[in-house]
Amino acid sequence: MGAISKKRPGFDLQYAISRVPVRARILILALVPLAGLLLISFLEMSGELKTEEASKQTAMFAQKIPALSALVHELQKERGMSAGFLDSLGQNFSSELTAQRFATDAAAGEFGMQAGMILEMAMNEELSSQLTHALGKIDLMVDMRSGVSRLETPKGEMVAYYSDIISELLANVQLQVSV
């Protein structure tokens, strides 16, 4: 009595492969690694495109840094003159402070024109939020200036207000560099 072959129920892979023509088997063997290579290439190119986009964004932001730096510098000068004005109870820095406010406004205007582009290209939500908050505080500077001019704003509050704006503007540079 010979060996009885048991048929397994279901799919027989060896039988199915033997039914595929040799040419098709060779084609399948060639296409599988090629598909893997294409997938790896696609993933690599995708990463390169993201890197290129981030580089372009950083380069565009870098062009805005001089305006941001000028604004920070003018804010620092205004903060110092406002402190001197408050310390002297309005006796010192009156005309200098007025001129400095115009210089700060000019720098804020220059930076404000470019801020819209910075916000549009912001890939980082935190960057966008900080910049929007700092610009909002700059818009509200009229109230702070008015309080300083009337000698009603405490020096510590004024210094904290200006320092907060300056810190947020500088933090934007740090955030953009880290993107």
Foldseek 3Di string as FASTA:
>chain_A
DDDDDDDDPDDDVVVVVVPDDPVVVVVVVVVVVVVVVVVVVVVVVVVVVVVVLLVVLLVLVVVLVVLLVQLLVLLVVLLVLLLVCLVVVNPPCVVVNVVSVVSNVVSLVVSVVCVVVNLVSDPDPLLNVLSVVLNVLVVVCVVVVVCSNVSNDDSVVSNVSSVSSSVSSVVSNVVSVVD
